[in-house]
């Protein structure tokens, strides 16, 4: 799992712009596209590159929607929630589920919360917006 200078150069370009194409990397580094593709694949296989990700701007709204679900409809409601949202956490206590929502406006957040409330079995929601 040795990372040479060429691998570091590829990594730095990917860190600066995760959407940069292999062809663009090849042009910048003066190597073939195949070389870039093979090196990236090896770094992924070796665990050097763990994932490719997207960073959102600080202007996004980051919220937790806390959901109370009727016990009789819990499984169906939870299944619907999990099919619609990526980050869903189950809890014991006063709330049953927390859903992490990232959106660009309070209007969109309100629409999303309204959609959650329409799910059969959802009794109550409480929305927490992250300040920092």
Protein backbone atom coordinates (compact mmCIF):
# COMPACT_ATOMS: atom_id res chain seq x y z
CA UNK A 1 0.00 0.00 0.00
CA UNK A 2 2.70 2.46 -1.06
CA UNK A 3 1.54 5.86 -2.25
CA UNK A 4 4.02 7.51 -4.58
CA UNK A 5 4.13 11.13 -5.74
CA UNK A 6 1.89 10.44 -8.76
CA UNK A 7 -0.78 8.92 -6.49
CA UNK A 8 -0.51 11.94 -4.16
CA UNK A 9 -0.92 14.26 -7.16
CA UNK A 10 -4.06 12.37 -8.21
CA UNK A 11 -5.40 12.49 -4.65
CA UNK A 12 -4.78 16.23 -4.40
CA UNK A 13 -6.67 16.87 -7.64
CA UNK A 14 -9.57 14.72 -6.42
CA UNK A 15 -9.61 16.50 -3.05
CA UNK A 16 -9.81 19.85 -4.83
CA UNK A 17 -12.54 18.64 -7.20
CA UNK A 18 -14.10 15.20 -6.70
CA UNK A 19 -15.90 15.58 -10.04
CA UNK A 20 -12.74 16.00 -12.11
CA UNK A 21 -12.61 13.41 -14.88
CA UNK A 22 -9.81 10.89 -15.32
CA UNK A 23 -9.07 12.54 -18.67
CA UNK A 24 -8.63 15.95 -17.03
CA UNK A 25 -6.36 14.46 -14.35
CA UNK A 26 -4.31 12.77 -17.07
CA UNK A 27 -3.85 16.07 -18.94
CA UNK A 28 -2.76 17.92 -15.79
CA UNK A 29 -0.29 15.20 -14.78
CA UNK A 30 0.85 14.40 -18.33
CA UNK A 31 -0.01 10.70 -18.12
CA UNK A 32 -2.54 8.50 -19.90
CA UNK A 33 -6.17 8.25 -18.82
CA UNK A 34 -5.65 4.51 -18.34
CA UNK A 35 -2.85 5.18 -15.86
CA UNK A 36 -5.11 7.49 -13.85
CA UNK A 37 -7.99 4.98 -13.92
CA UNK A 38 -5.75 2.10 -12.76
CA UNK A 39 -4.16 4.14 -9.98
CA UNK A 40 -7.53 5.35 -8.68
CA UNK A 41 -8.89 1.78 -8.76
CA UNK A 42 -5.84 0.51 -6.86
CA UNK A 43 -6.18 3.26 -4.24
CA UNK A 44 -9.86 2.36 -3.81
CA UNK A 45 -9.06 -1.36 -3.60
CA UNK A 46 -6.26 -0.69 -1.07
CA UNK A 47 -8.53 1.48 1.07
CA UNK A 48 -6.56 4.68 0.51
CA UNK A 49 -9.62 6.25 -1.10
CA UNK A 50 -12.55 5.30 1.12
CA UNK A 51 -15.31 7.18 -0.67
CA UNK A 52 -16.08 9.95 -3.08
CA UNK A 53 -18.27 12.59 -1.48
CA UNK A 54 -19.99 15.89 -2.01
CA UNK A 55 -19.66 18.82 0.36
CA UNK A 56 -22.61 21.13 0.57
CA UNK A 57 -22.33 24.84 1.10
CA UNK A 58 -22.86 26.33 4.53
CA UNK A 59 -26.08 27.86 3.20
CA UNK A 60 -27.89 24.54 3.45
CA UNK A 61 -30.34 23.96 6.25
CA UNK A 62 -29.45 20.96 8.38
CA UNK A 63 -32.35 19.72 10.49
CA UNK A 64 -33.50 16.78 12.55
CA UNK A 65 -37.16 15.87 12.35
CA UNK A 66 -38.16 13.95 15.47
CA UNK A 67 -41.11 11.64 14.82
CA UNK A 68 -43.57 9.91 17.15
CA UNK A 69 -45.27 6.91 15.51
CA UNK A 70 -48.40 5.00 16.51
CA UNK A 71 -47.32 1.60 17.88
CA UNK A 72 -49.95 -0.24 15.81
CA UNK A 73 -48.64 1.24 12.56
CA UNK A 74 -44.97 1.44 13.52
CA UNK A 75 -43.50 -1.07 11.04
CA UNK A 76 -45.36 0.28 8.00
CA UNK A 77 -44.65 3.91 8.89
CA UNK A 78 -40.97 3.19 9.53
CA UNK A 79 -40.67 1.34 6.23
CA UNK A 80 -42.16 4.31 4.35
CA UNK A 81 -39.85 6.73 6.14
CA UNK A 82 -36.76 4.61 5.43
CA UNK A 83 -37.71 4.31 1.76
CA UNK A 84 -37.90 8.11 1.41
CA UNK A 85 -34.98 9.32 3.53
CA UNK A 86 -31.33 8.37 3.67
CA UNK A 87 -30.54 9.16 7.31
CA UNK A 88 -33.12 7.62 9.64
CA UNK A 89 -32.36 6.78 13.26
CA UNK A 90 -34.56 4.75 15.61
CA UNK A 91 -34.75 5.59 19.32
CA UNK A 92 -36.38 4.45 22.51
CA UNK A 93 -38.13 7.02 24.65
CA UNK A 94 -40.41 9.92 23.85
CA UNK A 95 -39.58 9.87 20.15
CA UNK A 96 -39.37 6.86 17.87
CA UNK A 97 -37.43 8.14 14.88
CA UNK A 98 -35.15 11.02 13.94
CA UNK A 99 -34.73 11.94 10.29
CA UNK A 100 -31.82 14.10 9.20
CA UNK A 101 -32.83 16.54 6.48
CA UNK A 102 -30.54 18.77 4.45
CA UNK A 103 -32.23 21.27 2.18
CA UNK A 104 -31.71 24.69 0.67
CA UNK A 105 -34.64 26.61 2.16
CA UNK A 106 -37.16 26.68 4.98
CA UNK A 107 -39.92 26.37 2.36
CA UNK A 108 -38.48 23.04 1.22
CA UNK A 109 -38.03 21.94 4.83
CA UNK A 110 -41.70 22.73 5.53
CA UNK A 111 -42.78 20.70 2.48
CA UNK A 112 -40.67 17.74 3.60
CA UNK A 113 -42.06 17.88 7.15
CA UNK A 114 -45.60 18.05 5.72
CA UNK A 115 -44.85 14.90 3.69
CA UNK A 116 -43.63 13.13 6.83
CA UNK A 117 -46.79 14.13 8.71
CA UNK A 118 -48.93 12.64 5.91
CA UNK A 119 -47.46 9.16 6.44
CA UNK A 120 -50.08 6.90 8.00
CA UNK A 121 -49.12 6.25 11.61
CA UNK A 122 -47.14 9.44 12.23
CA UNK A 123 -48.61 11.01 15.36
CA UNK A 124 -46.36 14.02 15.88
CA UNK A 125 -43.19 15.70 14.64
CA UNK A 126 -40.78 18.19 16.12
CA UNK A 127 -38.17 19.88 13.94
CA UNK A 128 -34.76 20.96 15.22
CA UNK A 129 -32.63 23.19 12.99
CA UNK A 130 -28.86 23.12 13.50
CA UNK A 131 -27.49 26.60 14.17
CA UNK A 132 -23.75 25.89 13.94
